[in-house]
PDB file of N, CA and C in Angstrom:
ATOM      1  N   MET A   1       1.241  -1.065  -0.023  1.00  0.00           N
ATOM      2  CA  MET A   1      -0.207   0.094   0.052  1.00  0.00           C
ATOM      3  C   MET A   1       1.216   1.243  -0.098  1.00  0.00           C
ATOM      4  N   LYS A   2       0.968   2.064  -0.837  1.00  0.00           N
ATOM      5  CA  LYS A   2       1.320   3.504  -1.123  1.00  0.00           C
ATOM      6  C   LYS A   2       0.980   4.494   0.317  1.00  0.00           C
ATOM      7  N   SER A   3       1.939   4.760   0.868  1.00  0.00           N
ATOM      8  CA  SER A   3       1.331   6.081   1.744  1.00  0.00           C
ATOM      9  C   SER A   3       1.012   7.095   1.592  1.00  0.00           C
ATOM     10  N   GLY A   4       0.955   7.510  -0.244  1.00  0.00           N
ATOM     11  CA  GLY A   4       0.044   8.749  -0.468  1.00  0.00           C
ATOM     12  C   GLY A   4      -1.546   8.332  -0.585  1.00  0.00           C
ATOM     13  N   ASP A   5      -1.672   7.530  -1.122  1.00  0.00           N
ATOM     14  CA  ASP A   5      -2.976   6.326  -0.637  1.00  0.00           C
ATOM     15  C   ASP A   5      -3.895   6.726   0.876  1.00  0.00           C
ATOM     16  N   LEU A   6      -2.626   6.081   1.453  1.00  0.00           N
ATOM     17  CA  LEU A   6      -3.294   6.148   3.192  1.00  0.00           C
ATOM     18  C   LEU A   6      -3.214   8.458   3.656  1.00  0.00           C
ATOM     19  N   LYS A   7      -2.461   9.175   3.312  1.00  0.00           N
ATOM     20  CA  LYS A   7      -2.659  10.342   3.390  1.00  0.00           C
ATOM     21  C   LYS A   7      -3.958  11.022   3.124  1.00  0.00           C
ATOM     22  N   SER A   8      -4.544  10.256   2.058  1.00  0.00           N
ATOM     23  CA  SER A   8      -5.352  10.958   1.579  1.00  0.00           C
ATOM     24  C   SER A   8      -6.627  10.422   2.676  1.00  0.00           C
ATOM     25  N   MET A   9      -6.712   9.097   3.337  1.00  0.00           N
ATOM     26  CA  MET A   9      -8.024   8.818   3.855  1.00  0.00           C
ATOM     27  C   MET A   9      -8.409   9.138   5.463  1.00  0.00           C
ATOM     28  N   THR A  10      -9.576   9.575   5.628  1.00  0.00           N
ATOM     29  CA  THR A  10     -10.124   9.777   7.040  1.00  0.00           C
ATOM     30  C   THR A  10      -9.216   9.052   8.287  1.00  0.00           C
ATOM     31  N   LEU A  11      -9.563   9.696   9.101  1.00  0.00           N
ATOM     32  CA  LEU A  11      -9.060   9.085  10.821  1.00  0.00           C
ATOM     33  C   LEU A  11     -10.399   7.706  10.447  1.00  0.00           C
ATOM     34  N   ASP A  12     -11.725   7.791  10.098  1.00  0.00           N
ATOM     35  CA  ASP A  12     -12.401   6.616   9.821  1.00  0.00           C
ATOM     36  C   ASP A  12     -12.206   4.999   9.103  1.00  0.00           C
ATOM     37  N   GLN A  13     -11.425   6.080   8.096  1.00  0.00           N
ATOM     38  CA  GLN A  13     -11.080   5.024   7.057  1.00  0.00           C
ATOM     39  C   GLN A  13      -9.759   4.549   6.914  1.00  0.00           C
ATOM     40  N   LEU A  14      -9.253   5.065   8.027  1.00  0.00           N
ATOM     41  CA  LEU A  14      -7.897   4.491   8.953  1.00  0.00           C
ATOM     42  C   LEU A  14      -7.801   3.500   9.722  1.00  0.00           C
ATOM     43  N   ASP A  15      -8.612   3.781  10.550  1.00  0.00           N
ATOM     44  CA  ASP A  15      -8.981   2.796  11.314  1.00  0.00           C
ATOM     45  C   ASP A  15      -9.711   1.282  10.749  1.00  0.00           C
ATOM     46  N   ASP A  16     -10.323   1.516   9.674  1.00  0.00           N
ATOM     47  CA  ASP A  16     -11.136   0.211   9.300  1.00  0.00           C
ATOM     48  C   ASP A  16     -10.023  -0.525   7.928  1.00  0.00           C
ATOM     49  N   GLN A  17      -9.177   0.262   7.788  1.00  0.00           N
ATOM     50  CA  GLN A  17      -8.228  -0.240   6.934  1.00  0.00           C
ATOM     51  C   GLN A  17      -6.914  -0.993   8.011  1.00  0.00           C
ATOM     52  N   LEU A  18      -6.888  -0.807   9.199  1.00  0.00           N
ATOM     53  CA  LEU A  18      -5.915  -1.136  10.016  1.00  0.00           C
ATOM     54  C   LEU A  18      -6.691  -2.176  10.349  1.00  0.00           C
ATOM     55  N   ALA A  19      -8.081  -2.451  10.909  1.00  0.00           N
ATOM     56  CA  ALA A  19      -8.845  -3.569  11.316  1.00  0.00           C
ATOM     57  C   ALA A  19      -8.815  -4.770   9.886  1.00  0.00           C
ATOM     58  N   ARG A  20      -8.646  -4.381   8.943  1.00  0.00           N
ATOM     59  CA  ARG A  20      -8.250  -5.195   7.987  1.00  0.00           C
ATOM     60  C   ARG A  20      -7.116  -5.876   7.540  1.00  0.00           C
ATOM     61  N   LEU A  21      -6.003  -5.082   7.997  1.00  0.00           N
ATOM     62  CA  LEU A  21      -5.158  -5.532   7.959  1.00  0.00           C
ATOM     63  C   LEU A  21      -4.773  -6.486   8.709  1.00  0.00           C
ATOM     64  N   LYS A  22      -4.971  -6.073  10.372  1.00  0.00           N
ATOM     65  CA  LYS A  22      -4.831  -6.836  11.281  1.00  0.00           C
ATOM     66  C   LYS A  22      -5.715  -8.225  11.182  1.00  0.00           C
ATOM     67  N   LYS A  23      -6.776  -8.423  10.498  1.00  0.00           N
ATOM     68  CA  LYS A  23      -7.571  -9.703  10.099  1.00  0.00           C
ATOM     69  C   LYS A  23      -6.823  -9.960   9.524  1.00  0.00           C
ATOM     70  N   GLU A  24      -5.878  -9.707   8.011  1.00  0.00           N
ATOM     71  CA  GLU A  24      -5.118 -10.340   7.466  1.00  0.00           C
ATOM     72  C   GLU A  24      -4.113 -10.748   8.371  1.00  0.00           C
ATOM     73  N   GLN A  25      -3.605  -9.935   9.102  1.00  0.00           N
ATOM     74  CA  GLN A  25      -2.084 -10.586   9.727  1.00  0.00           C
ATOM     75  C   GLN A  25      -2.626 -11.836  10.611  1.00  0.00           C
ATOM     76  N   PHE A  26      -3.643 -11.942  11.496  1.00  0.00           N
ATOM     77  CA  PHE A  26      -4.289 -13.281  11.785  1.00  0.00           C
ATOM     78  C   PHE A  26      -4.378 -14.336  11.101  1.00  0.00           C
ATOM     79  N   ASN A  27      -4.749 -14.049   9.452  1.00  0.00           N
ATOM     80  CA  ASN A  27      -5.011 -15.471   8.663  1.00  0.00           C
ATOM     81  C   ASN A  27      -3.524 -15.525   8.187  1.00  0.00           C
ATOM     82  N   LEU A  28      -2.723 -15.023   8.092  1.00  0.00           N
ATOM     83  CA  LEU A  28      -1.350 -15.054   7.524  1.00  0.00           C
ATOM     84  C   LEU A  28      -0.488 -16.235   8.622  1.00  0.00           C
ATOM     85  N   ARG A  29      -1.067 -15.477   9.863  1.00  0.00           N
ATOM     86  CA  ARG A  29      -0.475 -16.042  11.067  1.00  0.00           C
ATOM     87  C   ARG A  29      -0.485 -17.880  10.894  1.00  0.00           C
ATOM     88  N   PHE A  30      -2.003 -17.627  10.553  1.00  0.00           N
ATOM     89  CA  PHE A  30      -2.571 -19.075  10.950  1.00  0.00           C
ATOM     90  C   PHE A  30      -2.397 -20.245   9.513  1.00  0.00           C
ATOM     91  N   GLN A  31      -2.523 -19.413   9.095  1.00  0.00           N
ATOM     92  CA  GLN A  31      -2.039 -20.188   7.061  1.00  0.00           C
ATOM     93  C   GLN A  31      -0.315 -20.575   7.799  1.00  0.00           C
ATOM     94  N   LYS A  32       0.290 -19.718   8.204  1.00  0.00           N
ATOM     95  CA  LYS A  32       1.677 -20.077   8.552  1.00  0.00           C
ATOM     96  C   LYS A  32       2.298 -21.543   9.595  1.00  0.00           C
ATOM     97  N   ALA A  33       1.235 -21.712  10.636  1.00  0.00           N
ATOM     98  CA  ALA A  33       1.470 -22.425  11.345  1.00  0.00           C
ATOM     99  C   ALA A  33       0.893 -24.121  10.981  1.00  0.00           C
ATOM    100  N   SER A  34      -0.190 -23.783  10.289  1.00  0.00           N
ATOM    101  CA  SER A  34      -0.937 -25.020   9.262  1.00  0.00           C
ATOM    102  C   SER A  34      -0.188 -25.514   8.383  1.00  0.00           C
ATOM    103  N   GLY A  35       0.967 -24.586   7.699  1.00  0.00           N
ATOM    104  CA  GLY A  35       2.029 -25.100   6.637  1.00  0.00           C
ATOM    105  C   GLY A  35       1.321 -24.702   5.413  1.00  0.00           C
ATOM    106  N   GLN A  36       0.099 -24.033   5.581  1.00  0.00           N
ATOM    107  CA  GLN A  36      -0.394 -23.649   3.864  1.00  0.00           C
ATOM    108  C   GLN A  36      -0.359 -21.812   3.474  1.00  0.00           C
ATOM    109  N   LEU A  37       0.960 -21.346   4.042  1.00  0.00           N
ATOM    110  CA  LEU A  37       1.375 -20.087   3.752  1.00  0.00           C
ATOM    111  C   LEU A  37       2.131 -20.173   2.705  1.00  0.00           C
ATOM    112  N   GLU A  38       1.640 -19.844   1.296  1.00  0.00           N
ATOM    113  CA  GLU A  38       2.775 -19.930  -0.091  1.00  0.00           C
ATOM    114  C   GLU A  38       3.828 -18.348  -0.306  1.00  0.00           C
ATOM    115  N   ASN A  39       2.954 -17.470   0.421  1.00  0.00           N
ATOM    116  CA  ASN A  39       3.794 -16.151  -0.242  1.00  0.00           C
ATOM    117  C   ASN A  39       3.973 -15.638   1.643  1.00  0.00           C
ATOM    118  N   THR A  40       5.291 -16.145   1.725  1.00  0.00           N
ATOM    119  CA  THR A  40       6.072 -15.863   2.743  1.00  0.00           C
ATOM    120  C   THR A  40       6.749 -13.963   3.087  1.00  0.00           C
ATOM    121  N   SER A  41       6.309 -13.733   1.574  1.00  0.00           N
ATOM    122  CA  SER A  41       6.590 -12.045   1.989  1.00  0.00           C
ATOM    123  C   SER A  41       5.860 -11.158   2.361  1.00  0.00           C
ATOM    124  N   ARG A  42       4.215 -11.644   2.197  1.00  0.00           N
ATOM    125  CA  ARG A  42       3.044 -11.008   2.536  1.00  0.00           C
ATOM    126  C   ARG A  42       2.944 -10.369   3.789  1.00  0.00           C
ATOM    127  N   VAL A  43       3.312 -11.204   4.768  1.00  0.00           N
ATOM    128  CA  VAL A  43       3.549 -11.163   6.110  1.00  0.00           C
ATOM    129  C   VAL A  43       4.506 -10.241   6.542  1.00  0.00           C
ATOM    130  N   ARG A  44       5.299  -9.545   5.936  1.00  0.00           N
ATOM    131  CA  ARG A  44       6.398  -8.494   5.833  1.00  0.00           C
ATOM    132  C   ARG A  44       5.615  -7.590   5.294  1.00  0.00           C
ATOM    133  N   GLN A  45       4.751  -7.742   4.517  1.00  0.00           N
ATOM    134  CA  GLN A  45       4.475  -6.579   3.866  1.00  0.00           C
ATOM    135  C   GLN A  45       3.317  -5.839   4.589  1.00  0.00           C
ATOM    136  N   VAL A  46       2.483  -6.489   5.475  1.00  0.00           N
ATOM    137  CA  VAL A  46       1.362  -6.969   6.284  1.00  0.00           C
ATOM    138  C   VAL A  46       1.737  -5.661   7.479  1.00  0.00           C
ATOM    139  N   ARG A  47       2.866  -6.368   8.245  1.00  0.00           N
ATOM    140  CA  ARG A  47       3.043  -6.087   9.562  1.00  0.00           C
ATOM    141  C   ARG A  47       3.525  -4.364   9.210  1.00  0.00           C
ATOM    142  N   ARG A  48       4.219  -4.057   7.885  1.00  0.00           N
ATOM    143  CA  ARG A  48       4.916  -2.724   7.751  1.00  0.00           C
ATOM    144  C   ARG A  48       3.725  -1.678   7.291  1.00  0.00           C
ATOM    145  N   ASP A  49       2.347  -2.335   6.698  1.00  0.00           N
ATOM    146  CA  ASP A  49       1.600  -1.440   6.337  1.00  0.00           C
ATOM    147  C   ASP A  49       0.548  -1.091   7.537  1.00  0.00           C
ATOM    148  N   ILE A  50       0.777  -2.118   8.694  1.00  0.00           N
ATOM    149  CA  ILE A  50       0.074  -1.854   9.769  1.00  0.00           C
ATOM    150  C   ILE A  50       0.970  -0.673  10.706  1.00  0.00           C
ATOM    151  N   ALA A  51       2.231  -0.798  10.628  1.00  0.00           N
ATOM    152  CA  ALA A  51       2.779   0.288  10.807  1.00  0.00           C
ATOM    153  C   ALA A  51       2.825   1.386  10.423  1.00  0.00           C
ATOM    154  N   ARG A  52       2.303   1.968   8.991  1.00  0.00           N
ATOM    155  CA  ARG A  52       2.151   2.986   8.335  1.00  0.00           C
ATOM    156  C   ARG A  52       1.117   3.595   8.651  1.00  0.00           C
ATOM    157  N   VAL A  53      -0.198   2.542   8.546  1.00  0.00           N
ATOM    158  CA  VAL A  53      -1.327   3.182   9.275  1.00  0.00           C
ATOM    159  C   VAL A  53      -1.279   3.637  10.563  1.00  0.00           C
ATOM    160  N   LEU A  54      -0.610   3.165  11.276  1.00  0.00           N
ATOM    161  CA  LEU A  54      -0.411   3.649  12.820  1.00  0.00           C
ATOM    162  C   LEU A  54      -0.114   5.134  13.060  1.00  0.00           C
ATOM    163  N   THR A  55       1.269   4.988  12.317  1.00  0.00           N
ATOM    164  CA  THR A  55       2.129   6.226  12.123  1.00  0.00           C
ATOM    165  C   THR A  55       1.100   7.048  11.207  1.00  0.00           C
ATOM    166  N   LEU A  56       0.570   6.867  10.449  1.00  0.00           N
ATOM    167  CA  LEU A  56      -0.237   8.351   9.721  1.00  0.00           C
ATOM    168  C   LEU A  56      -1.328   8.337  10.761  1.00  0.00           C
ATOM    169  N   ALA A  57      -1.800   7.600  11.504  1.00  0.00           N
ATOM    170  CA  ALA A  57      -3.509   7.986  12.553  1.00  0.00           C
ATOM    171  C   ALA A  57      -3.162   8.822  13.538  1.00  0.00           C
ATOM    172  N   GLY A  58      -2.007   8.031  14.194  1.00  0.00           N
ATOM    173  CA  GLY A  58      -1.099   9.250  15.192  1.00  0.00           C
ATOM    174  C   GLY A  58      -1.261  10.169  14.845  1.00  0.00           C
ATOM    175  N   GLN A  59      -0.379  10.781  13.740  1.00  0.00           N
ATOM    176  CA  GLN A  59      -0.305  12.196  13.077  1.00  0.00           C
ATOM    177  C   GLN A  59      -1.496  13.280  12.943  1.00  0.00           C
ATOM    178  N   LYS A  60      -2.600  12.643  12.459  1.00  0.00           N
ATOM    179  CA  LYS A  60      -3.657  13.000  11.715  1.00  0.00           C
ATOM    180  C   LYS A  60      -4.263  12.948  13.458  1.00  0.00           C
ATOM    181  N   ARG A  61      -4.464  12.347  14.440  1.00  0.00           N
ATOM    182  CA  ARG A  61      -4.923  12.402  15.808  1.00  0.00           C
ATOM    183  C   ARG A  61      -4.025  13.687  16.829  1.00  0.00           C
ATOM    184  N   GLY A  62      -3.236  14.134  16.140  1.00  0.00           N
ATOM    185  CA  GLY A  62      -2.657  15.442  17.166  1.00  0.00           C
ATOM    186  C   GLY A  62      -1.341  15.039  17.166  1.00  0.00           C
ATOM    187  N   GLY A  63      -0.267  14.791  16.596  1.00  0.00           N
ATOM    188  CA  GLY A  63       0.987  15.054  16.699  1.00  0.00           C
ATOM    189  C   GLY A  63       1.958  13.178  16.851  1.00  0.00           C
ATOM    190  N   SER A  64       2.607  12.804  16.225  1.00  0.00           N
ATOM    191  CA  SER A  64       3.593  11.935  16.637  1.00  0.00           C
ATOM    192  C   SER A  64       3.911  11.842  17.776  1.00  0.00           C
ATOM    193  N   SER A  65       4.006  10.559  18.658  1.00  0.00           N
ATOM    194  CA  SER A  65       4.039  10.316  20.119  1.00  0.00           C
ATOM    195  C   SER A  65       5.979  10.489  20.238  1.00  0.00           C
ATOM    196  N   SER A  66       6.680  10.549  19.292  1.00  0.00           N
ATOM    197  CA  SER A  66       8.169  10.804  19.481  1.00  0.00           C
ATOM    198  C   SER A  66       8.357  12.174  19.351  1.00  0.00           C
ATOM    199  N   ALA A  67       7.510  12.792  18.752  1.00  0.00           N
ATOM    200  CA  ALA A  67       8.155  14.564  19.167  1.00  0.00           C
ATOM    201  C   ALA A  67       7.612  14.890  20.562  1.00  0.00           C
ATOM    202  N   ALA A  68       6.408  14.137  21.064  1.00  0.00           N
ATOM    203  CA  ALA A  68       6.447  14.652  22.533  1.00  0.00           C
ATOM    204  C   ALA A  68       7.290  13.731  23.486  1.00  0.00           C
ATOM    205  N   ALA A  69       7.368  12.725  23.455  1.00  0.00           N
ATOM    206  CA  ALA A  69       8.703  11.992  23.814  1.00  0.00           C
ATOM    207  C   ALA A  69      10.036  12.679  23.700  1.00  0.00           C
ATOM    208  N   ALA A  70      10.408  13.425  22.572  1.00  0.00           N
ATOM    209  CA  ALA A  70      11.653  14.737  22.632  1.00  0.00           C
ATOM    210  C   ALA A  70      11.638  15.727  23.686  1.00  0.00           C
ATOM    211  N   LYS A  71      10.241  16.405  23.438  1.00  0.00           N
ATOM    212  CA  LYS A  71      10.096  17.521  24.114  1.00  0.00           C
ATOM    213  C   LYS A  71       9.890  16.829  25.736  1.00  0.00           C
ATOM    214  N   SER A  72       9.456  15.852  26.449  1.00  0.00           N
ATOM    215  CA  SER A  72       9.971  15.351  27.636  1.00  0.00           C
ATOM    216  C   SER A  72      10.813  14.960  27.895  1.00  0.00           C
ATOM    217  N   LYS A  73      11.898  14.751  26.926  1.00  0.00           N
ATOM    218  CA  LYS A  73      13.455  14.373  27.443  1.00  0.00           C
ATOM    219  C   LYS A  73      14.447  15.633  27.565  1.00  0.00           C
ATOM    220  N   SER A  74      13.696  16.797  26.807  1.00  0.00           N
ATOM    221  CA  SER A  74      14.617  17.853  26.618  1.00  0.00           C
ATOM    222  C   SER A  74      14.097  18.668  28.048  1.00  0.00           C
ATOM    223  N   GLY A  75      13.055  18.349  28.402  1.00  0.00           N
ATOM    224  CA  GLY A  75      12.416  19.408  29.506  1.00  0.00           C
ATOM    225  C   GLY A  75      11.500  20.627  29.667  1.00  0.00           C
ATOM    226  N   ALA A  76      11.426  20.408  28.379  1.00  0.00           N
ATOM    227  CA  ALA A  76      10.747  21.826  27.759  1.00  0.00           C
ATOM    228  C   ALA A  76       8.999  21.775  28.393  1.00  0.00           C
TER     229      ALA A  76
END
């Protein structure tokens, strides 16, 4: 999934996309455990897509947590 596509989504759409990706991740783990997983690279793609969605959702909700952590460490 392209980050440009995700940037144009609303928070509700990002939450829906996150739910779909988590469901797919669960199904991929289940297939791997049962020995039926054919496309092993999809596990990595889904994991990175989840991280992308979470990052953009956090930014849209009010800023990234890393920026808040940096402020608290600097004492500001």
